[in-house]
Amino acid sequence: MPRACIEAQSEDVLQALGRAPGVVALGDGTRLSDCVAYAIDDARLQALGATLTTAADRLAARMHDGGPDGDADARLAAERAALQLGFLAGAVTRGAARTAGFQGDLADRIAGTATIDGGARRAALLRGREAGRSGG
C-alpha cells in the first residue's frame, strides 16, 4: 500500500478532491481508488475507511448547507461539495471493484453518504460519481 494512503488524513483527501472532476490524487500521485484496492489487511482498510468516511461526512454536510433558500455562493459551494462527494464515492467504488474483500462495505458506506433527492446538487453528485468511477 503506498505510503500516501497510509499517512493520508481526511484533510489530504479533501484537498485532493478540490481538483475533481479532473485528476484527483494524493500528494505522491496515488489515486484514491488505488488506496482502496491496496488496503488488503483489516487494520489498513479500517484506517483508510475512517479517513475516507470522515471526508465524505464533511462533504455531505457542506452539500446540505447550501439549502434551497441559501444565497448563490452557498448554493455553488454545496454543488461543489456534491461533485467532490460523488467523485469520492465513484473512486471508492472503482477501487473496491478490483478486490474481493471488505472494500465493498466501505464503498457502500460512502455511497450511502452521497445521496440527495434532486436539483443541481444531485446532477453535480452524479457527474462527480461518474468521473470518480472512470478515473478516480
N, C-alpha and C. Protein backbone atom coordinates (compact mmCIF):
# COMPACT_ATOMS: atom_id res chain seq x y z
N MET A 1 0.85 -1.18 0.00
CA MET A 1 0.00 0.00 0.00
C MET A 1 0.90 1.24 0.00
N PRO A 2 0.66 2.17 -0.91
CA PRO A 2 1.50 3.37 -0.95
C PRO A 2 1.47 4.14 0.37
N ARG A 3 2.60 4.70 0.73
CA ARG A 3 2.73 5.44 1.98
C ARG A 3 1.72 6.58 2.05
N ALA A 4 1.44 7.24 0.92
CA ALA A 4 0.48 8.35 0.92
C ALA A 4 -0.89 7.89 1.40
N CYS A 5 -1.26 6.66 1.07
CA CYS A 5 -2.55 6.11 1.50
C CYS A 5 -2.54 5.85 3.00
N ILE A 6 -1.42 5.34 3.49
CA ILE A 6 -1.29 5.01 4.91
C ILE A 6 -1.31 6.28 5.76
N GLU A 7 -0.65 7.31 5.28
CA GLU A 7 -0.50 8.54 6.06
C GLU A 7 -1.60 9.56 5.82
N ALA A 8 -2.44 9.34 4.84
CA ALA A 8 -3.45 10.34 4.47
C ALA A 8 -4.42 10.61 5.61
N GLN A 9 -4.74 11.87 5.78
CA GLN A 9 -5.76 12.32 6.71
C GLN A 9 -6.94 12.84 5.88
N SER A 10 -8.07 13.04 6.52
CA SER A 10 -9.24 13.50 5.76
C SER A 10 -8.96 14.83 5.07
N GLU A 11 -8.16 15.69 5.67
CA GLU A 11 -7.82 16.97 5.05
C GLU A 11 -7.06 16.77 3.75
N ASP A 12 -6.19 15.75 3.71
CA ASP A 12 -5.44 15.44 2.49
C ASP A 12 -6.39 14.98 1.39
N VAL A 13 -7.36 14.16 1.76
CA VAL A 13 -8.35 13.68 0.80
C VAL A 13 -9.19 14.85 0.28
N LEU A 14 -9.62 15.72 1.18
CA LEU A 14 -10.42 16.88 0.76
C LEU A 14 -9.62 17.79 -0.15
N GLN A 15 -8.35 17.97 0.15
CA GLN A 15 -7.51 18.81 -0.70
C GLN A 15 -7.38 18.19 -2.09
N ALA A 16 -7.18 16.89 -2.16
CA ALA A 16 -7.08 16.21 -3.45
C ALA A 16 -8.40 16.33 -4.22
N LEU A 17 -9.51 16.19 -3.52
CA LEU A 17 -10.82 16.26 -4.16
C LEU A 17 -11.13 17.67 -4.68
N GLY A 18 -10.40 18.65 -4.22
CA GLY A 18 -10.56 20.01 -4.72
C GLY A 18 -10.29 20.10 -6.22
N ARG A 19 -9.61 19.11 -6.78
CA ARG A 19 -9.32 19.10 -8.22
C ARG A 19 -10.35 18.33 -9.03
N ALA A 20 -11.34 17.75 -8.37
CA ALA A 20 -12.38 16.98 -9.07
C ALA A 20 -13.20 17.92 -9.95
N PRO A 21 -13.60 17.50 -11.09
CA PRO A 21 -13.55 16.16 -11.66
C PRO A 21 -12.29 15.87 -12.45
N GLY A 22 -11.27 16.70 -12.31
CA GLY A 22 -10.00 16.46 -13.01
C GLY A 22 -9.21 15.36 -12.34
N VAL A 23 -7.91 15.42 -12.46
CA VAL A 23 -7.04 14.41 -11.88
C VAL A 23 -7.00 14.61 -10.36
N VAL A 24 -7.49 13.62 -9.64
CA VAL A 24 -7.52 13.66 -8.18
C VAL A 24 -6.54 12.62 -7.67
N ALA A 25 -5.53 13.08 -6.95
CA ALA A 25 -4.53 12.17 -6.40
C ALA A 25 -3.98 12.76 -5.11
N LEU A 26 -3.48 11.89 -4.28
CA LEU A 26 -2.81 12.33 -3.06
C LEU A 26 -1.46 12.94 -3.44
N GLY A 27 -0.73 13.43 -2.46
CA GLY A 27 0.50 14.16 -2.72
C GLY A 27 1.53 13.46 -3.58
N ASP A 28 1.60 12.13 -3.51
CA ASP A 28 2.59 11.40 -4.30
C ASP A 28 2.04 10.92 -5.64
N GLY A 29 0.81 11.32 -5.97
CA GLY A 29 0.21 10.93 -7.24
C GLY A 29 -0.68 9.70 -7.17
N THR A 30 -0.84 9.12 -5.99
CA THR A 30 -1.66 7.92 -5.84
C THR A 30 -3.14 8.29 -5.91
N ARG A 31 -3.87 7.57 -6.76
CA ARG A 31 -5.31 7.78 -6.86
C ARG A 31 -6.02 7.16 -5.66
N LEU A 32 -7.17 7.73 -5.31
CA LEU A 32 -7.94 7.22 -4.18
C LEU A 32 -8.38 5.79 -4.41
N SER A 33 -8.74 5.44 -5.63
CA SER A 33 -9.15 4.07 -5.93
C SER A 33 -8.02 3.09 -5.68
N ASP A 34 -6.79 3.50 -5.94
CA ASP A 34 -5.65 2.62 -5.67
C ASP A 34 -5.48 2.39 -4.17
N CYS A 35 -5.70 3.43 -3.39
CA CYS A 35 -5.64 3.26 -1.93
C CYS A 35 -6.63 2.19 -1.47
N VAL A 36 -7.84 2.25 -1.99
CA VAL A 36 -8.87 1.29 -1.61
C VAL A 36 -8.47 -0.11 -2.08
N ALA A 37 -8.01 -0.23 -3.30
CA ALA A 37 -7.64 -1.54 -3.84
C ALA A 37 -6.48 -2.17 -3.07
N TYR A 38 -5.54 -1.36 -2.60
CA TYR A 38 -4.36 -1.87 -1.91
C TYR A 38 -4.57 -2.07 -0.41
N ALA A 39 -5.69 -1.65 0.11
CA ALA A 39 -5.97 -1.82 1.55
C ALA A 39 -6.49 -3.23 1.79
N ILE A 40 -5.57 -4.18 1.79
CA ILE A 40 -6.00 -5.58 1.84
C ILE A 40 -5.97 -6.18 3.25
N ASP A 41 -5.34 -5.52 4.20
CA ASP A 41 -5.43 -6.07 5.55
C ASP A 41 -6.40 -5.23 6.37
N ASP A 42 -6.96 -5.85 7.39
CA ASP A 42 -8.03 -5.22 8.16
C ASP A 42 -7.63 -3.88 8.77
N ALA A 43 -6.44 -3.81 9.33
CA ALA A 43 -6.01 -2.58 10.00
C ALA A 43 -5.91 -1.42 9.02
N ARG A 44 -5.31 -1.66 7.87
CA ARG A 44 -5.16 -0.59 6.88
C ARG A 44 -6.49 -0.19 6.28
N LEU A 45 -7.34 -1.17 6.03
CA LEU A 45 -8.67 -0.85 5.50
C LEU A 45 -9.48 -0.05 6.50
N GLN A 46 -9.38 -0.41 7.78
CA GLN A 46 -10.11 0.32 8.81
C GLN A 46 -9.60 1.75 8.92
N ALA A 47 -8.29 1.94 8.90
CA ALA A 47 -7.73 3.29 9.00
C ALA A 47 -8.11 4.12 7.77
N LEU A 48 -7.98 3.53 6.59
CA LEU A 48 -8.35 4.25 5.37
C LEU A 48 -9.84 4.55 5.37
N GLY A 49 -10.63 3.59 5.80
CA GLY A 49 -12.08 3.79 5.87
C GLY A 49 -12.45 4.95 6.77
N ALA A 50 -11.78 5.06 7.91
CA ALA A 50 -12.05 6.17 8.83
C ALA A 50 -11.72 7.50 8.16
N THR A 51 -10.60 7.54 7.46
CA THR A 51 -10.19 8.77 6.77
C THR A 51 -11.19 9.15 5.68
N LEU A 52 -11.57 8.18 4.86
CA LEU A 52 -12.48 8.47 3.75
C LEU A 52 -13.89 8.79 4.21
N THR A 53 -14.38 8.11 5.25
CA THR A 53 -15.73 8.41 5.72
C THR A 53 -15.79 9.76 6.40
N THR A 54 -14.72 10.15 7.08
CA THR A 54 -14.68 11.50 7.66
C THR A 54 -14.75 12.54 6.56
N ALA A 55 -13.99 12.34 5.50
CA ALA A 55 -14.03 13.28 4.36
C ALA A 55 -15.43 13.29 3.74
N ALA A 56 -16.02 12.11 3.57
CA ALA A 56 -17.36 12.02 2.99
C ALA A 56 -18.39 12.73 3.86
N ASP A 57 -18.31 12.54 5.16
CA ASP A 57 -19.25 13.19 6.07
C ASP A 57 -19.12 14.71 6.02
N ARG A 58 -17.89 15.20 5.92
CA ARG A 58 -17.69 16.65 5.82
C ARG A 58 -18.27 17.20 4.51
N LEU A 59 -18.04 16.49 3.43
CA LEU A 59 -18.58 16.93 2.15
C LEU A 59 -20.10 16.87 2.14
N ALA A 60 -20.68 15.84 2.76
CA ALA A 60 -22.14 15.74 2.82
C ALA A 60 -22.72 16.91 3.61
N ALA A 61 -22.06 17.28 4.69
CA ALA A 61 -22.54 18.42 5.47
C ALA A 61 -22.47 19.70 4.65
N ARG A 62 -21.38 19.89 3.91
CA ARG A 62 -21.26 21.07 3.05
C ARG A 62 -22.32 21.07 1.95
N MET A 63 -22.59 19.88 1.42
CA MET A 63 -23.57 19.75 0.36
C MET A 63 -24.96 20.16 0.84
N HIS A 64 -25.27 19.83 2.06
CA HIS A 64 -26.59 20.14 2.60
C HIS A 64 -26.68 21.55 3.19
N ASP A 65 -25.52 22.20 3.41
CA ASP A 65 -25.52 23.56 3.98
C ASP A 65 -26.10 24.60 3.03
N GLY A 66 -25.99 24.40 1.75
CA GLY A 66 -26.47 25.39 0.79
C GLY A 66 -27.90 25.13 0.39
N GLY A 67 -28.78 25.02 1.36
CA GLY A 67 -30.18 24.70 1.11
C GLY A 67 -30.81 25.54 0.02
N PRO A 68 -32.02 25.20 -0.37
CA PRO A 68 -32.67 25.89 -1.49
C PRO A 68 -32.84 27.38 -1.27
N ASP A 69 -32.85 27.81 -0.01
CA ASP A 69 -33.01 29.23 0.28
C ASP A 69 -31.68 29.94 0.49
N GLY A 70 -30.56 29.20 0.34
CA GLY A 70 -29.25 29.79 0.54
C GLY A 70 -28.91 30.78 -0.56
N ASP A 71 -27.96 31.65 -0.30
CA ASP A 71 -27.55 32.60 -1.33
C ASP A 71 -26.78 31.87 -2.43
N ALA A 72 -26.49 32.57 -3.48
CA ALA A 72 -25.86 31.96 -4.65
C ALA A 72 -24.51 31.33 -4.31
N ASP A 73 -23.71 31.99 -3.49
CA ASP A 73 -22.41 31.44 -3.11
C ASP A 73 -22.57 30.15 -2.33
N ALA A 74 -23.55 30.11 -1.42
CA ALA A 74 -23.79 28.89 -0.63
C ALA A 74 -24.26 27.76 -1.53
N ARG A 75 -25.11 28.07 -2.50
CA ARG A 75 -25.57 27.02 -3.42
C ARG A 75 -24.43 26.49 -4.27
N LEU A 76 -23.56 27.39 -4.75
CA LEU A 76 -22.41 26.95 -5.55
C LEU A 76 -21.46 26.09 -4.73
N ALA A 77 -21.22 26.48 -3.48
CA ALA A 77 -20.36 25.69 -2.59
C ALA A 77 -20.98 24.31 -2.33
N ALA A 78 -22.29 24.27 -2.20
CA ALA A 78 -22.98 22.99 -1.98
C ALA A 78 -22.87 22.11 -3.22
N GLU A 79 -22.99 22.70 -4.40
CA GLU A 79 -22.84 21.93 -5.64
C GLU A 79 -21.42 21.40 -5.79
N ARG A 80 -20.45 22.22 -5.43
CA ARG A 80 -19.04 21.81 -5.49
C ARG A 80 -18.79 20.64 -4.54
N ALA A 81 -19.34 20.73 -3.34
CA ALA A 81 -19.21 19.64 -2.37
C ALA A 81 -19.88 18.37 -2.89
N ALA A 82 -21.02 18.52 -3.55
CA ALA A 82 -21.72 17.36 -4.13
C ALA A 82 -20.86 16.70 -5.20
N LEU A 83 -20.24 17.50 -6.05
CA LEU A 83 -19.36 16.97 -7.09
C LEU A 83 -18.21 16.19 -6.46
N GLN A 84 -17.59 16.76 -5.45
CA GLN A 84 -16.45 16.12 -4.79
C GLN A 84 -16.88 14.84 -4.08
N LEU A 85 -18.02 14.87 -3.42
CA LEU A 85 -18.53 13.69 -2.74
C LEU A 85 -18.86 12.60 -3.74
N GLY A 86 -19.47 12.97 -4.85
CA GLY A 86 -19.74 12.00 -5.90
C GLY A 86 -18.46 11.38 -6.43
N PHE A 87 -17.44 12.21 -6.62
CA PHE A 87 -16.16 11.70 -7.10
C PHE A 87 -15.58 10.71 -6.11
N LEU A 88 -15.62 11.05 -4.83
CA LEU A 88 -15.10 10.15 -3.80
C LEU A 88 -15.85 8.82 -3.84
N ALA A 89 -17.17 8.88 -3.91
CA ALA A 89 -17.97 7.65 -3.97
C ALA A 89 -17.61 6.82 -5.19
N GLY A 90 -17.45 7.46 -6.33
CA GLY A 90 -17.08 6.74 -7.55
C GLY A 90 -15.69 6.13 -7.47
N ALA A 91 -14.74 6.87 -6.91
CA ALA A 91 -13.37 6.37 -6.78
C ALA A 91 -13.30 5.18 -5.83
N VAL A 92 -14.03 5.24 -4.73
CA VAL A 92 -14.03 4.12 -3.78
C VAL A 92 -14.69 2.90 -4.43
N THR A 93 -15.75 3.11 -5.17
CA THR A 93 -16.40 2.01 -5.88
C THR A 93 -15.44 1.40 -6.90
N ARG A 94 -14.71 2.25 -7.61
CA ARG A 94 -13.72 1.78 -8.60
C ARG A 94 -12.66 0.92 -7.91
N GLY A 95 -12.14 1.39 -6.80
CA GLY A 95 -11.11 0.63 -6.09
C GLY A 95 -11.64 -0.68 -5.52
N ALA A 96 -12.84 -0.64 -4.97
CA ALA A 96 -13.44 -1.84 -4.38
C ALA A 96 -13.74 -2.90 -5.43
N ALA A 97 -14.04 -2.47 -6.65
CA ALA A 97 -14.35 -3.41 -7.72
C ALA A 97 -13.15 -4.27 -8.10
N ARG A 98 -11.96 -3.81 -7.75
CA ARG A 98 -10.74 -4.56 -8.08
C ARG A 98 -10.34 -5.52 -6.96
N THR A 99 -11.20 -5.69 -5.97
CA THR A 99 -10.89 -6.56 -4.84
C THR A 99 -12.00 -7.57 -4.63
N ALA A 100 -11.75 -8.49 -3.74
CA ALA A 100 -12.78 -9.48 -3.39
C ALA A 100 -13.02 -9.46 -1.89
N GLY A 101 -12.81 -8.29 -1.26
CA GLY A 101 -12.88 -8.23 0.18
C GLY A 101 -13.89 -7.24 0.71
N PHE A 102 -13.59 -6.72 1.89
CA PHE A 102 -14.49 -5.83 2.60
C PHE A 102 -14.48 -4.40 2.06
N GLN A 103 -13.69 -4.14 1.05
CA GLN A 103 -13.68 -2.81 0.46
C GLN A 103 -15.07 -2.44 -0.07
N GLY A 104 -15.85 -3.43 -0.45
CA GLY A 104 -17.21 -3.19 -0.92
C GLY A 104 -18.08 -2.58 0.16
N ASP A 105 -17.84 -2.97 1.42
CA ASP A 105 -18.58 -2.37 2.53
C ASP A 105 -18.25 -0.88 2.66
N LEU A 106 -16.99 -0.55 2.47
CA LEU A 106 -16.58 0.86 2.50
C LEU A 106 -17.24 1.62 1.36
N ALA A 107 -17.26 1.03 0.18
CA ALA A 107 -17.90 1.67 -0.97
C ALA A 107 -19.38 1.91 -0.69
N ASP A 108 -20.04 0.94 -0.08
CA ASP A 108 -21.46 1.11 0.26
C ASP A 108 -21.66 2.23 1.27
N ARG A 109 -20.77 2.32 2.25
CA ARG A 109 -20.87 3.37 3.28
C ARG A 109 -20.72 4.75 2.66
N ILE A 110 -19.74 4.91 1.79
CA ILE A 110 -19.51 6.20 1.13
C ILE A 110 -20.68 6.52 0.21
N ALA A 111 -21.15 5.54 -0.54
CA ALA A 111 -22.29 5.75 -1.44
C ALA A 111 -23.53 6.15 -0.67
N GLY A 112 -23.71 5.62 0.53
CA GLY A 112 -24.85 6.00 1.36
C GLY A 112 -24.78 7.43 1.82
N THR A 113 -23.59 7.96 1.95
CA THR A 113 -23.41 9.36 2.32
C THR A 113 -23.73 10.26 1.13
N ALA A 114 -23.50 9.73 -0.07
CA ALA A 114 -23.60 10.53 -1.29
C ALA A 114 -24.99 10.40 -1.92
N THR A 115 -26.00 10.87 -1.21
CA THR A 115 -27.36 10.84 -1.74
C THR A 115 -28.02 12.20 -1.54
N ILE A 116 -28.84 12.54 -2.50
CA ILE A 116 -29.64 13.76 -2.43
C ILE A 116 -30.81 13.59 -3.40
N ASP A 117 -31.92 14.23 -3.10
CA ASP A 117 -33.14 14.00 -3.87
C ASP A 117 -33.10 14.51 -5.30
N GLY A 118 -32.67 15.72 -5.52
CA GLY A 118 -32.73 16.24 -6.88
C GLY A 118 -32.06 17.58 -7.02
N GLY A 119 -32.27 18.18 -8.15
CA GLY A 119 -31.75 19.52 -8.40
C GLY A 119 -30.30 19.53 -8.84
N ALA A 120 -29.72 20.71 -8.79
CA ALA A 120 -28.36 20.92 -9.27
C ALA A 120 -27.34 20.12 -8.46
N ARG A 121 -27.57 19.96 -7.17
CA ARG A 121 -26.63 19.19 -6.36
C ARG A 121 -26.64 17.72 -6.76
N ARG A 122 -27.82 17.20 -7.06
CA ARG A 122 -27.89 15.79 -7.50
C ARG A 122 -27.16 15.63 -8.82
N ALA A 123 -27.34 16.54 -9.74
CA ALA A 123 -26.65 16.48 -11.02
C ALA A 123 -25.14 16.54 -10.82
N ALA A 124 -24.68 17.40 -9.92
CA ALA A 124 -23.24 17.51 -9.62
C ALA A 124 -22.73 16.22 -8.99
N LEU A 125 -23.51 15.66 -8.09
CA LEU A 125 -23.16 14.40 -7.43
C LEU A 125 -22.98 13.30 -8.47
N LEU A 126 -23.91 13.20 -9.41
CA LEU A 126 -23.84 12.16 -10.43
C LEU A 126 -22.66 12.38 -11.39
N ARG A 127 -22.39 13.64 -11.75
CA ARG A 127 -21.21 13.94 -12.58
C ARG A 127 -19.94 13.53 -11.87
N GLY A 128 -19.86 13.87 -10.59
CA GLY A 128 -18.68 13.50 -9.80
C GLY A 128 -18.52 12.00 -9.68
N ARG A 129 -19.63 11.30 -9.45
CA ARG A 129 -19.57 9.84 -9.30
C ARG A 129 -19.05 9.20 -10.58
N GLU A 130 -19.54 9.65 -11.72
CA GLU A 130 -19.08 9.11 -13.00
C GLU A 130 -17.59 9.38 -13.20
N ALA A 131 -17.16 10.60 -12.89
CA ALA A 131 -15.74 10.94 -13.03
C ALA A 131 -14.89 10.09 -12.09
N GLY A 132 -15.35 9.86 -10.89
CA GLY A 132 -14.61 9.02 -9.94
C GLY A 132 -14.52 7.58 -10.39
N ARG A 133 -15.60 7.07 -10.94
CA ARG A 133 -15.59 5.68 -11.43
C ARG A 133 -14.66 5.50 -12.62
N SER A 134 -14.58 6.52 -13.46
CA SER A 134 -13.76 6.37 -14.67
C SER A 134 -12.29 6.71 -14.43
N GLY A 135 -11.99 7.58 -13.49
CA GLY A 135 -10.60 7.97 -13.33
C GLY A 135 -10.13 8.20 -11.92
N GLY A 136 -10.98 7.88 -10.95
CA GLY A 136 -10.64 8.15 -9.54
C GLY A 136 -9.68 7.18 -8.99
